[in-house]
PDB file of N, CA and C in Angstrom:
ATOM      1  N   MET A   1     -25.896  59.278  -2.052  1.00  0.00           N
ATOM      2  CA  MET A   1     -26.028  60.670  -1.639  1.00  0.00           C
ATOM      3  C   MET A   1     -26.016  60.734  -0.149  1.00  0.00           C
ATOM      4  N   HIS A   2     -25.286  61.632   0.422  1.00  0.00           N
ATOM      5  CA  HIS A   2     -25.182  61.822   1.882  1.00  0.00           C
ATOM      6  C   HIS A   2     -25.576  63.244   2.229  1.00  0.00           C
ATOM      7  N   VAL A   3     -26.583  63.318   3.084  1.00  0.00           N
ATOM      8  CA  VAL A   3     -27.008  64.643   3.497  1.00  0.00           C
ATOM      9  C   VAL A   3     -26.752  64.859   4.988  1.00  0.00           C
ATOM     10  N   GLU A   4     -26.175  65.950   5.337  1.00  0.00           N
ATOM     11  CA  GLU A   4     -25.928  66.272   6.701  1.00  0.00           C
ATOM     12  C   GLU A   4     -26.840  67.392   7.136  1.00  0.00           C
ATOM     13  N   VAL A   5     -27.469  67.176   8.251  1.00  0.00           N
ATOM     14  CA  VAL A   5     -28.407  68.174   8.799  1.00  0.00           C
ATOM     15  C   VAL A   5     -27.898  68.557  10.208  1.00  0.00           C
ATOM     16  N   PRO A   6     -27.722  69.815  10.444  1.00  0.00           N
ATOM     17  CA  PRO A   6     -27.238  70.247  11.771  1.00  0.00           C
ATOM     18  C   PRO A   6     -28.201  69.806  12.881  1.00  0.00           C
ATOM     19  N   ILE A   7     -27.622  69.404  13.985  1.00  0.00           N
ATOM     20  CA  ILE A   7     -28.446  68.871  15.123  1.00  0.00           C
ATOM     21  C   ILE A   7     -29.488  69.933  15.577  1.00  0.00           C
ATOM     22  N   ASP A   8     -29.191  71.204  15.507  1.00  0.00           N
ATOM     23  CA  ASP A   8     -30.124  72.234  15.949  1.00  0.00           C
ATOM     24  C   ASP A   8     -31.322  72.233  15.057  1.00  0.00           C
ATOM     25  N   GLU A   9     -31.137  72.015  13.778  1.00  0.00           N
ATOM     26  CA  GLU A   9     -32.282  71.936  12.860  1.00  0.00           C
ATOM     27  C   GLU A   9     -33.150  70.744  13.147  1.00  0.00           C
ATOM     28  N   ILE A  10     -32.518  69.611  13.487  1.00  0.00           N
ATOM     29  CA  ILE A  10     -33.252  68.412  13.823  1.00  0.00           C
ATOM     30  C   ILE A  10     -34.079  68.628  15.074  1.00  0.00           C
ATOM     31  N   ARG A  11     -33.433  69.215  16.062  1.00  0.00           N
ATOM     32  CA  ARG A  11     -34.119  69.525  17.360  1.00  0.00           C
ATOM     33  C   ARG A  11     -35.317  70.406  17.122  1.00  0.00           C
ATOM     34  N   ALA A  12     -35.112  71.449  16.316  1.00  0.00           N
ATOM     35  CA  ALA A  12     -36.218  72.382  16.029  1.00  0.00           C
ATOM     36  C   ALA A  12     -37.367  71.697  15.342  1.00  0.00           C
ATOM     37  N   ALA A  13     -37.056  70.845  14.379  1.00  0.00           N
ATOM     38  CA  ALA A  13     -38.109  70.068  13.651  1.00  0.00           C
ATOM     39  C   ALA A  13     -38.852  69.147  14.558  1.00  0.00           C
ATOM     40  N   VAL A  14     -38.136  68.457  15.462  1.00  0.00           N
ATOM     41  CA  VAL A  14     -38.767  67.512  16.393  1.00  0.00           C
ATOM     42  C   VAL A  14     -39.646  68.331  17.372  1.00  0.00           C
ATOM     43  N   HIS A  15     -39.161  69.433  17.863  1.00  0.00           N
ATOM     44  CA  HIS A  15     -39.905  70.263  18.762  1.00  0.00           C
ATOM     45  C   HIS A  15     -41.194  70.760  18.123  1.00  0.00           C
ATOM     46  N   GLU A  16     -41.100  71.244  16.887  1.00  0.00           N
ATOM     47  CA  GLU A  16     -42.269  71.755  16.150  1.00  0.00           C
ATOM     48  C   GLU A  16     -43.299  70.597  15.980  1.00  0.00           C
ATOM     49  N   THR A  17     -42.809  69.386  15.652  1.00  0.00           N
ATOM     50  CA  THR A  17     -43.675  68.257  15.451  1.00  0.00           C
ATOM     51  C   THR A  17     -44.404  67.877  16.750  1.00  0.00           C
ATOM     52  N   LEU A  18     -43.706  67.833  17.832  1.00  0.00           N
ATOM     53  CA  LEU A  18     -44.284  67.527  19.146  1.00  0.00           C
ATOM     54  C   LEU A  18     -45.335  68.603  19.534  1.00  0.00           C
ATOM     55  N   GLU A  19     -45.006  69.830  19.307  1.00  0.00           N
ATOM     56  CA  GLU A  19     -46.002  70.889  19.623  1.00  0.00           C
ATOM     57  C   GLU A  19     -47.264  70.717  18.819  1.00  0.00           C
ATOM     58  N   SER A  20     -47.113  70.357  17.557  1.00  0.00           N
ATOM     59  CA  SER A  20     -48.286  70.113  16.687  1.00  0.00           C
ATOM     60  C   SER A  20     -49.166  68.972  17.209  1.00  0.00           C
ATOM     61  N   ILE A  21     -48.435  67.886  17.649  1.00  0.00           N
ATOM     62  CA  ILE A  21     -49.172  66.766  18.198  1.00  0.00           C
ATOM     63  C   ILE A  21     -49.955  67.143  19.459  1.00  0.00           C
ATOM     64  N   ARG A  22     -49.300  67.916  20.337  1.00  0.00           N
ATOM     65  CA  ARG A  22     -49.918  68.403  21.594  1.00  0.00           C
ATOM     66  C   ARG A  22     -51.164  69.270  21.290  1.00  0.00           C
ATOM     67  N   GLU A  23     -51.039  70.138  20.270  1.00  0.00           N
ATOM     68  CA  GLU A  23     -52.146  71.011  19.944  1.00  0.00           C
ATOM     69  C   GLU A  23     -53.295  70.169  19.370  1.00  0.00           C
ATOM     70  N   ASP A  24     -52.958  69.189  18.543  1.00  0.00           N
ATOM     71  CA  ASP A  24     -54.016  68.299  18.024  1.00  0.00           C
ATOM     72  C   ASP A  24     -54.720  67.553  19.121  1.00  0.00           C
ATOM     73  N   ALA A  25     -54.006  67.119  20.136  1.00  0.00           N
ATOM     74  CA  ALA A  25     -54.627  66.385  21.264  1.00  0.00           C
ATOM     75  C   ALA A  25     -55.529  67.322  22.026  1.00  0.00           C
ATOM     76  N   SER A  26     -55.066  68.592  22.207  1.00  0.00           N
ATOM     77  CA  SER A  26     -55.929  69.563  22.915  1.00  0.00           C
ATOM     78  C   SER A  26     -57.160  69.863  22.124  1.00  0.00           C
ATOM     79  N   LEU A  27     -57.065  69.925  20.827  1.00  0.00           N
ATOM     80  CA  LEU A  27     -58.289  70.178  20.031  1.00  0.00           C
ATOM     81  C   LEU A  27     -59.219  68.968  20.062  1.00  0.00           C
ATOM     82  N   ILE A  28     -58.725  67.797  20.098  1.00  0.00           N
ATOM     83  CA  ILE A  28     -59.515  66.629  20.199  1.00  0.00           C
ATOM     84  C   ILE A  28     -60.361  66.717  21.495  1.00  0.00           C
ATOM     85  N   ALA A  29     -59.736  67.076  22.576  1.00  0.00           N
ATOM     86  CA  ALA A  29     -60.451  67.137  23.862  1.00  0.00           C
ATOM     87  C   ALA A  29     -61.458  68.290  23.896  1.00  0.00           C
ATOM     88  N   ALA A  30     -61.114  69.407  23.269  1.00  0.00           N
ATOM     89  CA  ALA A  30     -61.991  70.576  23.341  1.00  0.00           C
ATOM     90  C   ALA A  30     -63.242  70.423  22.447  1.00  0.00           C
ATOM     91  N   GLU A  31     -63.158  69.640  21.375  1.00  0.00           N
ATOM     92  CA  GLU A  31     -64.237  69.593  20.415  1.00  0.00           C
ATOM     93  C   GLU A  31     -65.246  68.464  20.708  1.00  0.00           C
ATOM     94  N   LYS A  32     -64.814  67.425  21.352  1.00  0.00           N
ATOM     95  CA  LYS A  32     -65.682  66.239  21.546  1.00  0.00           C
ATOM     96  C   LYS A  32     -66.197  66.110  22.945  1.00  0.00           C
ATOM     97  N   LEU A  33     -67.409  65.558  23.014  1.00  0.00           N
ATOM     98  CA  LEU A  33     -68.010  65.243  24.310  1.00  0.00           C
ATOM     99  C   LEU A  33     -67.400  64.018  24.922  1.00  0.00           C
ATOM    100  N   ALA A  34     -66.996  63.068  24.069  1.00  0.00           N
ATOM    101  CA  ALA A  34     -66.361  61.845  24.564  1.00  0.00           C
ATOM    102  C   ALA A  34     -65.149  61.536  23.704  1.00  0.00           C
ATOM    103  N   ILE A  35     -64.229  60.797  24.255  1.00  0.00           N
ATOM    104  CA  ILE A  35     -62.939  60.548  23.636  1.00  0.00           C
ATOM    105  C   ILE A  35     -62.664  59.057  23.686  1.00  0.00           C
ATOM    106  N   ASN A  36     -62.239  58.494  22.544  1.00  0.00           N
ATOM    107  CA  ASN A  36     -61.934  57.052  22.512  1.00  0.00           C
ATOM    108  C   ASN A  36     -60.773  56.736  23.464  1.00  0.00           C
ATOM    109  N   GLU A  37     -60.610  55.469  23.754  1.00  0.00           N
ATOM    110  CA  GLU A  37     -59.597  55.077  24.709  1.00  0.00           C
ATOM    111  C   GLU A  37     -58.162  55.436  24.310  1.00  0.00           C
ATOM    112  N   ALA A  38     -57.858  55.261  23.048  1.00  0.00           N
ATOM    113  CA  ALA A  38     -56.466  55.595  22.618  1.00  0.00           C
ATOM    114  C   ALA A  38     -56.175  57.067  22.774  1.00  0.00           C
ATOM    115  N   ASN A  39     -57.119  57.896  22.376  1.00  0.00           N
ATOM    116  CA  ASN A  39     -56.885  59.380  22.548  1.00  0.00           C
ATOM    117  C   ASN A  39     -56.958  59.816  23.968  1.00  0.00           C
ATOM    118  N   ALA A  40     -57.842  59.170  24.807  1.00  0.00           N
ATOM    119  CA  ALA A  40     -57.896  59.499  26.205  1.00  0.00           C
ATOM    120  C   ALA A  40     -56.590  59.153  26.868  1.00  0.00           C
ATOM    121  N   ALA A  41     -55.985  58.061  26.537  1.00  0.00           N
ATOM    122  CA  ALA A  41     -54.708  57.688  27.093  1.00  0.00           C
ATOM    123  C   ALA A  41     -53.641  58.719  26.719  1.00  0.00           C
ATOM    124  N   LYS A  42     -53.636  59.152  25.442  1.00  0.00           N
ATOM    125  CA  LYS A  42     -52.711  60.165  25.010  1.00  0.00           C
ATOM    126  C   LYS A  42     -52.861  61.478  25.825  1.00  0.00           C
ATOM    127  N   LEU A  43     -54.154  61.875  25.977  1.00  0.00           N
ATOM    128  CA  LEU A  43     -54.375  63.118  26.745  1.00  0.00           C
ATOM    129  C   LEU A  43     -53.906  62.970  28.180  1.00  0.00           C
ATOM    130  N   LEU A  44     -54.058  61.805  28.761  1.00  0.00           N
ATOM    131  CA  LEU A  44     -53.601  61.559  30.153  1.00  0.00           C
ATOM    132  C   LEU A  44     -52.080  61.271  30.227  1.00  0.00           C
ATOM    133  N   ASP A  45     -51.488  61.088  29.069  1.00  0.00           N
ATOM    134  CA  ASP A  45     -50.059  60.744  28.983  1.00  0.00           C
ATOM    135  C   ASP A  45     -49.755  59.422  29.714  1.00  0.00           C
ATOM    136  N   VAL A  46     -50.649  58.435  29.473  1.00  0.00           N
ATOM    137  CA  VAL A  46     -50.389  57.097  29.987  1.00  0.00           C
ATOM    138  C   VAL A  46     -50.573  56.083  28.831  1.00  0.00           C
ATOM    139  N   ALA A  47     -50.088  54.912  29.022  1.00  0.00           N
ATOM    140  CA  ALA A  47     -50.224  53.882  28.041  1.00  0.00           C
ATOM    141  C   ALA A  47     -51.702  53.409  28.010  1.00  0.00           C
ATOM    142  N   LYS A  48     -52.177  53.047  26.804  1.00  0.00           N
ATOM    143  CA  LYS A  48     -53.592  52.664  26.674  1.00  0.00           C
ATOM    144  C   LYS A  48     -53.928  51.529  27.593  1.00  0.00           C
ATOM    145  N   HIS A  49     -53.022  50.549  27.768  1.00  0.00           N
ATOM    146  CA  HIS A  49     -53.372  49.408  28.646  1.00  0.00           C
ATOM    147  C   HIS A  49     -53.461  49.850  30.092  1.00  0.00           C
ATOM    148  N   LYS A  50     -52.779  50.889  30.483  1.00  0.00           N
ATOM    149  CA  LYS A  50     -52.844  51.374  31.870  1.00  0.00           C
ATOM    150  C   LYS A  50     -54.250  51.980  32.113  1.00  0.00           C
ATOM    151  N   LEU A  51     -54.748  52.714  31.084  1.00  0.00           N
ATOM    152  CA  LEU A  51     -56.108  53.305  31.261  1.00  0.00           C
ATOM    153  C   LEU A  51     -57.132  52.157  31.293  1.00  0.00           C
ATOM    154  N   ALA A  52     -56.945  51.198  30.431  1.00  0.00           N
ATOM    155  CA  ALA A  52     -57.893  50.043  30.456  1.00  0.00           C
ATOM    156  C   ALA A  52     -57.902  49.368  31.777  1.00  0.00           C
ATOM    157  N   GLU A  53     -56.688  49.176  32.382  1.00  0.00           N
ATOM    158  CA  GLU A  53     -56.570  48.527  33.692  1.00  0.00           C
ATOM    159  C   GLU A  53     -57.320  49.361  34.749  1.00  0.00           C
ATOM    160  N   ALA A  54     -57.167  50.687  34.674  1.00  0.00           N
ATOM    161  CA  ALA A  54     -57.921  51.586  35.652  1.00  0.00           C
ATOM    162  C   ALA A  54     -59.408  51.375  35.472  1.00  0.00           C
ATOM    163  N   ARG A  55     -59.871  51.231  34.228  1.00  0.00           N
ATOM    164  CA  ARG A  55     -61.313  50.978  33.979  1.00  0.00           C
ATOM    165  C   ARG A  55     -61.706  49.675  34.570  1.00  0.00           C
ATOM    166  N   TYR A  56     -60.916  48.604  34.360  1.00  0.00           N
ATOM    167  CA  TYR A  56     -61.261  47.295  34.908  1.00  0.00           C
ATOM    168  C   TYR A  56     -61.334  47.328  36.445  1.00  0.00           C
ATOM    169  N   ARG A  57     -60.512  48.157  37.093  1.00  0.00           N
ATOM    170  CA  ARG A  57     -60.538  48.257  38.515  1.00  0.00           C
ATOM    171  C   ARG A  57     -61.626  49.166  39.048  1.00  0.00           C
ATOM    172  N   GLY A  58     -62.321  49.806  38.133  1.00  0.00           N
ATOM    173  CA  GLY A  58     -63.440  50.717  38.534  1.00  0.00           C
ATOM    174  C   GLY A  58     -62.989  52.058  38.908  1.00  0.00           C
ATOM    175  N   GLU A  59     -61.759  52.450  38.569  1.00  0.00           N
ATOM    176  CA  GLU A  59     -61.232  53.773  38.938  1.00  0.00           C
ATOM    177  C   GLU A  59     -61.685  54.846  37.978  1.00  0.00           C
ATOM    178  N   ILE A  60     -62.110  54.460  36.774  1.00  0.00           N
ATOM    179  CA  ILE A  60     -62.598  55.396  35.771  1.00  0.00           C
ATOM    180  C   ILE A  60     -63.715  54.654  34.997  1.00  0.00           C
ATOM    181  N   VAL A  61     -64.739  55.449  34.593  1.00  0.00           N
ATOM    182  CA  VAL A  61     -65.888  54.839  33.889  1.00  0.00           C
ATOM    183  C   VAL A  61     -65.780  55.137  32.424  1.00  0.00           C
ATOM    184  N   GLY A  62     -65.800  54.072  31.646  1.00  0.00           N
ATOM    185  CA  GLY A  62     -65.836  54.175  30.194  1.00  0.00           C
ATOM    186  C   GLY A  62     -67.192  53.586  29.704  1.00  0.00           C
ATOM    187  N   SER A  63     -67.577  53.970  28.498  1.00  0.00           N
ATOM    188  CA  SER A  63     -68.752  53.434  27.882  1.00  0.00           C
ATOM    189  C   SER A  63     -68.401  52.710  26.593  1.00  0.00           C
ATOM    190  N   ARG A  64     -69.044  51.577  26.386  1.00  0.00           N
ATOM    191  CA  ARG A  64     -68.872  50.839  25.141  1.00  0.00           C
ATOM    192  C   ARG A  64     -69.823  51.411  24.114  1.00  0.00           C
ATOM    193  N   VAL A  65     -69.290  51.812  22.976  1.00  0.00           N
ATOM    194  CA  VAL A  65     -70.095  52.211  21.849  1.00  0.00           C
ATOM    195  C   VAL A  65     -69.612  51.411  20.656  1.00  0.00           C
ATOM    196  N   GLY A  66     -70.418  50.423  20.241  1.00  0.00           N
ATOM    197  CA  GLY A  66     -69.935  49.484  19.228  1.00  0.00           C
ATOM    198  C   GLY A  66     -68.797  48.712  19.808  1.00  0.00           C
ATOM    199  N   LYS A  67     -67.674  48.711  19.088  1.00  0.00           N
ATOM    200  CA  LYS A  67     -66.499  47.994  19.560  1.00  0.00           C
ATOM    201  C   LYS A  67     -65.526  48.892  20.338  1.00  0.00           C
ATOM    202  N   SER A  68     -65.876  50.125  20.485  1.00  0.00           N
ATOM    203  CA  SER A  68     -64.934  51.101  21.051  1.00  0.00           C
ATOM    204  C   SER A  68     -65.343  51.395  22.546  1.00  0.00           C
ATOM    205  N   ILE A  69     -64.330  51.749  23.307  1.00  0.00           N
ATOM    206  CA  ILE A  69     -64.577  52.271  24.678  1.00  0.00           C
ATOM    207  C   ILE A  69     -64.319  53.746  24.578  1.00  0.00           C
ATOM    208  N   ILE A  70     -65.242  54.509  25.108  1.00  0.00           N
ATOM    209  CA  ILE A  70     -65.105  56.005  25.122  1.00  0.00           C
ATOM    210  C   ILE A  70     -65.243  56.523  26.525  1.00  0.00           C
ATOM    211  N   TYR A  71     -64.682  57.688  26.743  1.00  0.00           N
ATOM    212  CA  TYR A  71     -64.741  58.365  28.081  1.00  0.00           C
ATOM    213  C   TYR A  71     -65.265  59.743  27.894  1.00  0.00           C
ATOM    214  N   GLU A  72     -66.160  60.147  28.789  1.00  0.00           N
ATOM    215  CA  GLU A  72     -66.614  61.546  28.802  1.00  0.00           C
ATOM    216  C   GLU A  72     -65.442  62.414  29.287  1.00  0.00           C
ATOM    217  N   ARG A  73     -65.422  63.627  28.737  1.00  0.00           N
ATOM    218  CA  ARG A  73     -64.331  64.554  29.108  1.00  0.00           C
ATOM    219  C   ARG A  73     -64.354  64.749  30.630  1.00  0.00           C
ATOM    220  N   SER A  74     -65.586  64.904  31.182  1.00  0.00           N
ATOM    221  CA  SER A  74     -65.693  65.156  32.630  1.00  0.00           C
ATOM    222  C   SER A  74     -65.170  63.974  33.416  1.00  0.00           C
ATOM    223  N   GLU A  75     -65.308  62.733  32.929  1.00  0.00           N
ATOM    224  CA  GLU A  75     -64.836  61.583  33.618  1.00  0.00           C
ATOM    225  C   GLU A  75     -63.288  61.578  33.674  1.00  0.00           C
ATOM    226  N   LEU A  76     -62.655  62.006  32.543  1.00  0.00           N
ATOM    227  CA  LEU A  76     -61.206  62.075  32.496  1.00  0.00           C
ATOM    228  C   LEU A  76     -60.724  63.127  33.513  1.00  0.00           C
ATOM    229  N   LEU A  77     -61.384  64.263  33.608  1.00  0.00           N
ATOM    230  CA  LEU A  77     -60.967  65.286  34.537  1.00  0.00           C
ATOM    231  C   LEU A  77     -61.146  64.812  36.003  1.00  0.00           C
ATOM    232  N   ASP A  78     -62.262  64.169  36.230  1.00  0.00           N
ATOM    233  CA  ASP A  78     -62.520  63.603  37.625  1.00  0.00           C
ATOM    234  C   ASP A  78     -61.491  62.559  37.955  1.00  0.00           C
ATOM    235  N   PHE A  79     -61.114  61.710  37.025  1.00  0.00           N
ATOM    236  CA  PHE A  79     -60.108  60.685  37.274  1.00  0.00           C
ATOM    237  C   PHE A  79     -58.779  61.337  37.623  1.00  0.00           C
ATOM    238  N   LEU A  80     -58.403  62.407  36.903  1.00  0.00           N
ATOM    239  CA  LEU A  80     -57.194  63.126  37.258  1.00  0.00           C
ATOM    240  C   LEU A  80     -57.221  63.682  38.634  1.00  0.00           C
ATOM    241  N   ARG A  81     -58.340  64.289  39.019  1.00  0.00           N
ATOM    242  CA  ARG A  81     -58.518  64.873  40.333  1.00  0.00           C
ATOM    243  C   ARG A  81     -58.365  63.820  41.423  1.00  0.00           C
ATOM    244  N   ARG A  82     -59.036  62.672  41.209  1.00  0.00           N
ATOM    245  CA  ARG A  82     -58.942  61.599  42.211  1.00  0.00           C
ATOM    246  C   ARG A  82     -57.524  61.107  42.334  1.00  0.00           C
ATOM    247  N   GLN A  83     -56.831  60.946  41.221  1.00  0.00           N
ATOM    248  CA  GLN A  83     -55.437  60.472  41.259  1.00  0.00           C
ATOM    249  C   GLN A  83     -54.588  61.449  42.028  1.00  0.00           C
ATOM    250  N   ARG A  84     -54.795  62.741  41.826  1.00  0.00           N
ATOM    251  CA  ARG A  84     -54.006  63.786  42.552  1.00  0.00           C
ATOM    252  C   ARG A  84     -54.292  63.712  44.003  1.00  0.00           C
ATOM    253  N   GLU A  85     -55.565  63.569  44.367  1.00  0.00           N
ATOM    254  CA  GLU A  85     -55.958  63.536  45.781  1.00  0.00           C
ATOM    255  C   GLU A  85     -55.340  62.310  46.457  1.00  0.00           C
ATOM    256  N   GLU A  86     -55.372  61.151  45.774  1.00  0.00           N
ATOM    257  CA  GLU A  86     -54.803  59.932  46.356  1.00  0.00           C
ATOM    258  C   GLU A  86     -53.319  60.076  46.516  1.00  0.00           C
ATOM    259  N   GLY A  87     -52.686  60.752  45.599  1.00  0.00           N
ATOM    260  CA  GLY A  87     -51.226  60.969  45.668  1.00  0.00           C
ATOM    261  C   GLY A  87     -50.801  61.882  46.782  1.00  0.00           C
ATOM    262  N   GLN A  88     -51.755  62.726  47.276  1.00  0.00           N
ATOM    263  CA  GLN A  88     -51.418  63.659  48.354  1.00  0.00           C
ATOM    264  C   GLN A  88     -51.643  63.040  49.686  1.00  0.00           C
ATOM    265  N   ARG A  89     -52.207  61.868  49.787  1.00  0.00           N
ATOM    266  CA  ARG A  89     -52.447  61.180  51.061  1.00  0.00           C
ATOM    267  C   ARG A  89     -51.241  60.540  51.584  1.00  0.00           C
TER     268      ARG A  89
END
């Protein structure tokens, strides 16, 4: 069986899926006081290992809870502000 789907329909479906993922990420940030490292990296649009490297360098503070590293929402926002300020220098 061979099914052909017009490219416009595929684009629309992909766009809708990506928007849903973005909305889910926004809800995660809005509802929680702290966010695990994987979701924090998604919210910052960076690879998880890049966020971990920033934590190792002391550029962002994370807290260990059990086996997980979590970040306070305010720490993520402060990190973004500091990155922006450093980029303007």
